[in-house]
Amino acid sequence: MFALRKRWILAMANATPVTSQTTPRTAQRRFSGRQAFWLGLGLLVLAFGFFSWLLFQPSGNNGAINLLPIGKAAPSFTLTNSQGTPVTLSQLRGHPLMINFWSTTCGPCQSETPLLQRTYTQYKSQGFLVLGVSETDPLPSVIQFANDYALTYPLLPDLQRKVNDRYGVTGLPVSYFIDAQGIIRYTVNGALTPQTLQYGLRTIGLSA
């Protein structure tokens, strides 16, 4: 009996408690799982934020590096307007003007058109001109666009994109503000806003 009790005591003394080995490992596994979850969630949030930033960048930025520099003389060109009359840029010297590159299928171009017409009506008494150079639009589409928006400034179809290419236009709309001496003073790559339009007008010597 004594020997049996002694063997039982020795066995208990040599036994390794189960909880002393498994509990830390279990806790470590749970902690690592938590870390992985929050790390993955953080990366997902960062990726979502980055792609959201890209999504909401202005569409016109793709062509910004190609536009002609401010301070350069605007290259002359000749295009025929929607009434069949040739218009040559160099012959308009003495007038502050804006060249607006657009297309009938361009949504932002459509949204800024009423603003352009109002601005032309307001400042034409000061000699201000607007030239709407369309990109590859056929003449009937240009004429219909002018009628739909009751436009009174000249629209110039650029069927072969020669003027668009010369002015570095790779995305629409684009606007150049040119002073009476024919010098580029300001450019807007993307849809005009009342603020950018007013600033551009000031750079070519016009005031409200």
C-alpha atoms as a PDB file:
ATOM      1  CA  MET A   1       0.000   0.000   0.000  1.00  0.00           C
ATOM      2  CA  PHE A   2       2.780   2.408   0.880  1.00  0.00           C
ATOM      3  CA  ALA A   3       4.666   1.515  -2.303  1.00  0.00           C
ATOM      4  CA  LEU A   4       1.555   2.115  -4.413  1.00  0.00           C
ATOM      5  CA  ARG A   5       1.008   5.494  -2.797  1.00  0.00           C
ATOM      6  CA  LYS A   6       4.666   6.425  -3.376  1.00  0.00           C
ATOM      7  CA  ARG A   7       4.452   5.557  -7.081  1.00  0.00           C
ATOM      8  CA  TRP A   8       1.263   7.666  -7.392  1.00  0.00           C
ATOM      9  CA  ILE A   9       2.958  10.684  -5.767  1.00  0.00           C
ATOM     10  CA  LEU A  10       5.987  10.380  -8.091  1.00  0.00           C
ATOM     11  CA  ALA A  11       3.760  10.096 -11.125  1.00  0.00           C
ATOM     12  CA  MET A  12       1.856  13.233 -10.189  1.00  0.00           C
ATOM     13  CA  ALA A  13       5.089  15.110  -9.551  1.00  0.00           C
ATOM     14  CA  ASN A  14       6.492  14.213 -12.982  1.00  0.00           C
ATOM     15  CA  ALA A  15       3.264  14.912 -14.881  1.00  0.00           C
ATOM     16  CA  THR A  16       3.244  18.115 -17.030  1.00  0.00           C
ATOM     17  CA  PRO A  17       0.142  20.233 -16.545  1.00  0.00           C
ATOM     18  CA  VAL A  18      -1.750  20.402 -19.810  1.00  0.00           C
ATOM     19  CA  THR A  19      -2.801  23.990 -19.337  1.00  0.00           C
ATOM     20  CA  SER A  20       0.737  25.244 -18.819  1.00  0.00           C
ATOM     21  CA  GLN A  21       1.716  24.250 -22.393  1.00  0.00           C
ATOM     22  CA  THR A  22      -1.430  24.626 -24.468  1.00  0.00           C
ATOM     23  CA  THR A  23      -2.859  27.860 -23.082  1.00  0.00           C
ATOM     24  CA  PRO A  24      -0.015  30.197 -24.180  1.00  0.00           C
ATOM     25  CA  ARG A  25       0.064  28.628 -27.642  1.00  0.00           C
ATOM     26  CA  THR A  26      -3.697  28.953 -28.000  1.00  0.00           C
ATOM     27  CA  ALA A  27      -3.553  32.581 -26.902  1.00  0.00           C
ATOM     28  CA  GLN A  28      -0.674  33.210 -29.302  1.00  0.00           C
ATOM     29  CA  ARG A  29      -2.640  31.717 -32.193  1.00  0.00           C
ATOM     30  CA  ARG A  30      -5.661  33.868 -31.357  1.00  0.00           C
ATOM     31  CA  PHE A  31      -3.500  36.998 -31.103  1.00  0.00           C
ATOM     32  CA  SER A  32      -1.851  36.316 -34.464  1.00  0.00           C
ATOM     33  CA  GLY A  33      -5.252  35.828 -36.063  1.00  0.00           C
ATOM     34  CA  ARG A  34      -6.424  39.164 -34.679  1.00  0.00           C
ATOM     35  CA  GLN A  35      -3.310  40.873 -35.984  1.00  0.00           C
ATOM     36  CA  ALA A  36      -3.799  39.400 -39.449  1.00  0.00           C
ATOM     37  CA  PHE A  37      -7.442  40.534 -39.516  1.00  0.00           C
ATOM     38  CA  TRP A  38      -6.672  44.157 -38.621  1.00  0.00           C
ATOM     39  CA  LEU A  39      -3.669  44.277 -40.950  1.00  0.00           C
ATOM     40  CA  GLY A  40      -5.776  43.013 -43.826  1.00  0.00           C
ATOM     41  CA  LEU A  41      -8.555  45.457 -43.020  1.00  0.00           C
ATOM     42  CA  GLY A  42      -6.088  48.355 -42.923  1.00  0.00           C
ATOM     43  CA  LEU A  43      -4.623  47.429 -46.306  1.00  0.00           C
ATOM     44  CA  LEU A  44      -8.122  47.151 -47.753  1.00  0.00           C
ATOM     45  CA  VAL A  45      -9.027  50.644 -46.512  1.00  0.00           C
ATOM     46  CA  LEU A  46      -5.816  52.111 -47.946  1.00  0.00           C
ATOM     47  CA  ALA A  47      -6.415  50.451 -51.314  1.00  0.00           C
ATOM     48  CA  PHE A  48     -10.003  51.706 -51.402  1.00  0.00           C
ATOM     49  CA  GLY A  49      -8.885  55.237 -50.576  1.00  0.00           C
ATOM     50  CA  PHE A  50      -6.220  55.218 -53.280  1.00  0.00           C
ATOM     51  CA  PHE A  51      -8.566  54.026 -56.015  1.00  0.00           C
ATOM     52  CA  SER A  52     -11.221  56.497 -54.892  1.00  0.00           C
ATOM     53  CA  TRP A  53      -8.654  59.304 -55.235  1.00  0.00           C
ATOM     54  CA  LEU A  54      -7.820  58.148 -58.761  1.00  0.00           C
ATOM     55  CA  LEU A  55     -11.497  57.898 -59.668  1.00  0.00           C
ATOM     56  CA  PHE A  56     -12.268  61.483 -58.734  1.00  0.00           C
ATOM     57  CA  GLN A  57      -9.288  63.110 -60.423  1.00  0.00           C
ATOM     58  CA  PRO A  58     -10.286  65.591 -63.112  1.00  0.00           C
ATOM     59  CA  SER A  59     -10.722  63.796 -66.436  1.00  0.00           C
ATOM     60  CA  GLY A  60      -8.816  66.462 -68.368  1.00  0.00           C
ATOM     61  CA  ASN A  61      -5.568  65.937 -66.530  1.00  0.00           C
ATOM     62  CA  ASN A  62      -4.420  63.352 -69.034  1.00  0.00           C
ATOM     63  CA  GLY A  63      -3.485  66.038 -71.537  1.00  0.00           C
ATOM     64  CA  ALA A  64      -2.174  68.724 -69.184  1.00  0.00           C
ATOM     65  CA  ILE A  65       1.518  68.185 -69.985  1.00  0.00           C
ATOM     66  CA  ASN A  66       0.862  68.539 -73.729  1.00  0.00           C
ATOM     67  CA  LEU A  67      -0.804  71.949 -73.703  1.00  0.00           C
ATOM     68  CA  LEU A  68       1.078  74.913 -75.126  1.00  0.00           C
ATOM     69  CA  PRO A  69       2.887  76.960 -72.465  1.00  0.00           C
ATOM     70  CA  ILE A  70       1.619  80.259 -71.102  1.00  0.00           C
ATOM     71  CA  GLY A  71       3.514  83.187 -72.633  1.00  0.00           C
ATOM     72  CA  LYS A  72       3.823  81.547 -76.049  1.00  0.00           C
ATOM     73  CA  ALA A  73       2.261  83.061 -79.159  1.00  0.00           C
ATOM     74  CA  ALA A  74      -0.841  81.110 -80.126  1.00  0.00           C
ATOM     75  CA  PRO A  75      -0.239  79.310 -83.452  1.00  0.00           C
ATOM     76  CA  SER A  76      -2.469  80.615 -86.221  1.00  0.00           C
ATOM     77  CA  PHE A  77      -4.875  78.356 -88.071  1.00  0.00           C
ATOM     78  CA  THR A  78      -7.751  78.617 -90.504  1.00  0.00           C
ATOM     79  CA  LEU A  79     -10.998  76.684 -90.104  1.00  0.00           C
ATOM     80  CA  THR A  80     -14.382  77.109 -91.740  1.00  0.00           C
ATOM     81  CA  ASN A  81     -17.217  77.925 -89.361  1.00  0.00           C
ATOM     82  CA  SER A  82     -20.623  76.279 -89.381  1.00  0.00           C
ATOM     83  CA  GLN A  83     -21.925  78.962 -91.786  1.00  0.00           C
ATOM     84  CA  GLY A  84     -19.204  78.153 -94.325  1.00  0.00           C
ATOM     85  CA  THR A  85     -17.011  81.210 -93.648  1.00  0.00           C
ATOM     86  CA  PRO A  86     -13.228  80.750 -93.165  1.00  0.00           C
ATOM     87  CA  VAL A  87     -11.902  82.029 -89.820  1.00  0.00           C
ATOM     88  CA  THR A  88      -8.168  82.712 -89.404  1.00  0.00           C
ATOM     89  CA  LEU A  89      -6.802  83.229 -85.907  1.00  0.00           C
ATOM     90  CA  SER A  90      -4.074  85.723 -86.894  1.00  0.00           C
ATOM     91  CA  GLN A  91      -6.692  87.998 -88.450  1.00  0.00           C
ATOM     92  CA  LEU A  92      -8.381  88.346 -85.054  1.00  0.00           C
ATOM     93  CA  ARG A  93      -5.357  90.090 -83.525  1.00  0.00           C
ATOM     94  CA  GLY A  94      -6.530  93.017 -81.414  1.00  0.00           C
ATOM     95  CA  HIS A  95      -9.310  91.002 -79.782  1.00  0.00           C
ATOM     96  CA  PRO A  96      -8.982  89.186 -76.454  1.00  0.00           C
ATOM     97  CA  LEU A  97     -10.379  85.737 -77.107  1.00  0.00           C
ATOM     98  CA  MET A  98     -10.834  82.206 -75.898  1.00  0.00           C
ATOM     99  CA  ILE A  99     -10.416  79.034 -77.952  1.00  0.00           C
ATOM    100  CA  ASN A 100     -12.625  76.308 -76.540  1.00  0.00           C
ATOM    101  CA  PHE A 101     -11.898  72.755 -77.739  1.00  0.00           C
ATOM    102  CA  TRP A 102     -14.995  70.597 -77.452  1.00  0.00           C
ATOM    103  CA  SER A 103     -17.119  67.851 -79.001  1.00  0.00           C
ATOM    104  CA  THR A 104     -20.836  67.200 -79.355  1.00  0.00           C
ATOM    105  CA  THR A 105     -20.382  63.833 -77.585  1.00  0.00           C
ATOM    106  CA  CYS A 106     -18.433  65.265 -74.613  1.00  0.00           C
ATOM    107  CA  GLY A 107     -20.548  65.520 -71.445  1.00  0.00           C
ATOM    108  CA  PRO A 108     -18.412  68.158 -69.656  1.00  0.00           C
ATOM    109  CA  CYS A 109     -18.380  70.189 -72.890  1.00  0.00           C
ATOM    110  CA  GLN A 110     -22.171  70.197 -72.925  1.00  0.00           C
ATOM    111  CA  SER A 111     -22.341  71.275 -69.282  1.00  0.00           C
ATOM    112  CA  GLU A 112     -20.036  74.284 -69.783  1.00  0.00           C
ATOM    113  CA  THR A 113     -21.638  75.487 -73.039  1.00  0.00           C
ATOM    114  CA  PRO A 114     -24.372  77.666 -71.455  1.00  0.00           C
ATOM    115  CA  LEU A 115     -21.689  79.355 -69.336  1.00  0.00           C
ATOM    116  CA  LEU A 116     -19.655  80.069 -72.457  1.00  0.00           C
ATOM    117  CA  GLN A 117     -22.634  81.590 -74.244  1.00  0.00           C
ATOM    118  CA  ARG A 118     -23.519  83.817 -71.274  1.00  0.00           C
ATOM    119  CA  THR A 119     -19.908  84.966 -70.989  1.00  0.00           C
ATOM    120  CA  TYR A 120     -19.649  85.749 -74.689  1.00  0.00           C
ATOM    121  CA  THR A 121     -22.881  87.760 -74.543  1.00  0.00           C
ATOM    122  CA  GLN A 122     -21.654  89.690 -71.501  1.00  0.00           C
ATOM    123  CA  TYR A 123     -18.171  90.590 -72.800  1.00  0.00           C
ATOM    124  CA  LYS A 124     -18.515  90.861 -76.576  1.00  0.00           C
ATOM    125  CA  SER A 125     -19.013  94.631 -76.245  1.00  0.00           C
ATOM    126  CA  GLN A 126     -15.390  94.706 -74.982  1.00  0.00           C
ATOM    127  CA  GLY A 127     -14.196  92.959 -78.137  1.00  0.00           C
ATOM    128  CA  PHE A 128     -14.172  89.478 -76.582  1.00  0.00           C
ATOM    129  CA  LEU A 129     -14.419  86.537 -78.958  1.00  0.00           C
ATOM    130  CA  VAL A 130     -15.030  82.823 -78.410  1.00  0.00           C
ATOM    131  CA  LEU A 131     -13.960  80.231 -80.965  1.00  0.00           C
ATOM    132  CA  GLY A 132     -15.465  76.791 -80.425  1.00  0.00           C
ATOM    133  CA  VAL A 133     -13.169  74.288 -82.151  1.00  0.00           C
ATOM    134  CA  SER A 134     -14.926  70.931 -82.296  1.00  0.00           C
ATOM    135  CA  GLU A 135     -13.075  67.620 -82.505  1.00  0.00           C
ATOM    136  CA  THR A 136     -13.926  65.541 -85.623  1.00  0.00           C
ATOM    137  CA  ASP A 137     -17.655  66.338 -85.411  1.00  0.00           C
ATOM    138  CA  PRO A 138     -19.455  66.328 -88.783  1.00  0.00           C
ATOM    139  CA  LEU A 139     -20.953  69.635 -89.816  1.00  0.00           C
ATOM    140  CA  PRO A 140     -24.629  68.608 -89.364  1.00  0.00           C
ATOM    141  CA  SER A 141     -23.917  67.617 -85.737  1.00  0.00           C
ATOM    142  CA  VAL A 142     -22.196  70.946 -85.076  1.00  0.00           C
ATOM    143  CA  ILE A 143     -25.093  72.900 -86.566  1.00  0.00           C
ATOM    144  CA  GLN A 144     -27.607  70.924 -84.502  1.00  0.00           C
ATOM    145  CA  PHE A 145     -25.560  71.566 -81.348  1.00  0.00           C
ATOM    146  CA  ALA A 146     -25.522  75.309 -82.070  1.00  0.00           C
ATOM    147  CA  ASN A 147     -29.300  75.293 -82.512  1.00  0.00           C
ATOM    148  CA  ASP A 148     -29.920  73.240 -79.367  1.00  0.00           C
ATOM    149  CA  TYR A 149     -27.944  75.672 -77.197  1.00  0.00           C
ATOM    150  CA  ALA A 150     -28.817  78.867 -79.123  1.00  0.00           C
ATOM    151  CA  LEU A 151     -25.130  79.659 -79.623  1.00  0.00           C
ATOM    152  CA  THR A 152     -24.069  82.911 -81.234  1.00  0.00           C
ATOM    153  CA  TYR A 153     -20.283  82.503 -81.110  1.00  0.00           C
ATOM    154  CA  PRO A 154     -18.600  80.731 -84.066  1.00  0.00           C
ATOM    155  CA  LEU A 155     -18.210  76.952 -84.043  1.00  0.00           C
ATOM    156  CA  LEU A 156     -15.307  75.613 -86.110  1.00  0.00           C
ATOM    157  CA  PRO A 157     -15.329  71.898 -87.030  1.00  0.00           C
ATOM    158  CA  ASP A 158     -11.803  70.424 -86.940  1.00  0.00           C
ATOM    159  CA  LEU A 159     -12.584  67.272 -88.911  1.00  0.00           C
ATOM    160  CA  GLN A 160      -8.981  66.065 -89.163  1.00  0.00           C
ATOM    161  CA  ARG A 161      -7.902  67.154 -85.662  1.00  0.00           C
ATOM    162  CA  LYS A 162      -5.108  69.322 -87.092  1.00  0.00           C
ATOM    163  CA  VAL A 163      -5.766  72.260 -84.769  1.00  0.00           C
ATOM    164  CA  ASN A 164      -6.460  69.988 -81.788  1.00  0.00           C
ATOM    165  CA  ASP A 165      -3.097  68.306 -82.324  1.00  0.00           C
ATOM    166  CA  ARG A 166      -1.271  71.609 -82.816  1.00  0.00           C
ATOM    167  CA  TYR A 167      -2.593  72.834 -79.482  1.00  0.00           C
ATOM    168  CA  GLY A 168      -1.729  69.603 -77.664  1.00  0.00           C
ATOM    169  CA  VAL A 169      -5.326  68.644 -76.942  1.00  0.00           C
ATOM    170  CA  THR A 170      -5.633  64.993 -75.874  1.00  0.00           C
ATOM    171  CA  GLY A 171      -8.714  65.279 -73.653  1.00  0.00           C
ATOM    172  CA  LEU A 172     -11.821  67.447 -73.772  1.00  0.00           C
ATOM    173  CA  PRO A 173     -12.734  70.129 -72.987  1.00  0.00           C
ATOM    174  CA  VAL A 174      -9.724  72.438 -73.122  1.00  0.00           C
ATOM    175  CA  SER A 175      -9.773  76.256 -73.153  1.00  0.00           C
ATOM    176  CA  TYR A 176      -7.041  78.722 -74.115  1.00  0.00           C
ATOM    177  CA  PHE A 177      -7.251  82.390 -73.092  1.00  0.00           C
ATOM    178  CA  ILE A 178      -5.361  84.561 -75.587  1.00  0.00           C
ATOM    179  CA  ASP A 179      -4.778  88.297 -75.227  1.00  0.00           C
ATOM    180  CA  ALA A 180      -5.145  90.956 -77.893  1.00  0.00           C
ATOM    181  CA  GLN A 181      -1.500  90.540 -78.893  1.00  0.00           C
ATOM    182  CA  GLY A 182      -2.031  86.827 -79.610  1.00  0.00           C
ATOM    183  CA  ILE A 183      -0.206  85.553 -76.489  1.00  0.00           C
ATOM    184  CA  ILE A 184      -1.489  82.608 -74.449  1.00  0.00           C
ATOM    185  CA  ARG A 185      -2.177  83.878 -70.929  1.00  0.00           C
ATOM    186  CA  TYR A 186      -4.095  81.034 -69.286  1.00  0.00           C
ATOM    187  CA  THR A 187      -5.277  77.491 -70.026  1.00  0.00           C
ATOM    188  CA  VAL A 188      -7.964  75.305 -68.474  1.00  0.00           C
ATOM    189  CA  ASN A 189      -7.685  71.560 -68.969  1.00  0.00           C
ATOM    190  CA  GLY A 190     -11.181  70.301 -68.152  1.00  0.00           C
ATOM    191  CA  ALA A 191     -14.609  71.823 -67.733  1.00  0.00           C
ATOM    192  CA  LEU A 192     -14.719  75.540 -67.005  1.00  0.00           C
ATOM    193  CA  THR A 193     -16.158  76.833 -63.734  1.00  0.00           C
ATOM    194  CA  PRO A 194     -17.293  80.409 -63.063  1.00  0.00           C
ATOM    195  CA  GLN A 195     -14.112  80.873 -61.010  1.00  0.00           C
ATOM    196  CA  THR A 196     -11.631  79.611 -63.622  1.00  0.00           C
ATOM    197  CA  LEU A 197     -13.494  81.478 -66.349  1.00  0.00           C
ATOM    198  CA  GLN A 198     -13.361  84.791 -64.493  1.00  0.00           C
ATOM    199  CA  TYR A 199      -9.675  84.331 -63.734  1.00  0.00           C
ATOM    200  CA  GLY A 200      -8.966  83.582 -67.397  1.00  0.00           C
ATOM    201  CA  LEU A 201     -10.832  86.684 -68.497  1.00  0.00           C
ATOM    202  CA  ARG A 202      -8.757  88.834 -66.135  1.00  0.00           C
ATOM    203  CA  THR A 203      -5.523  87.451 -67.594  1.00  0.00           C
ATOM    204  CA  ILE A 204      -6.527  88.765 -71.033  1.00  0.00           C
ATOM    205  CA  GLY A 205      -7.562  92.188 -69.750  1.00  0.00           C
ATOM    206  CA  LEU A 206     -11.316  91.823 -69.298  1.00  0.00           C
ATOM    207  CA  SER A 207     -13.233  92.883 -66.199  1.00  0.00           C
ATOM    208  CA  ALA A 208     -16.868  92.607 -65.164  1.00  0.00           C
END
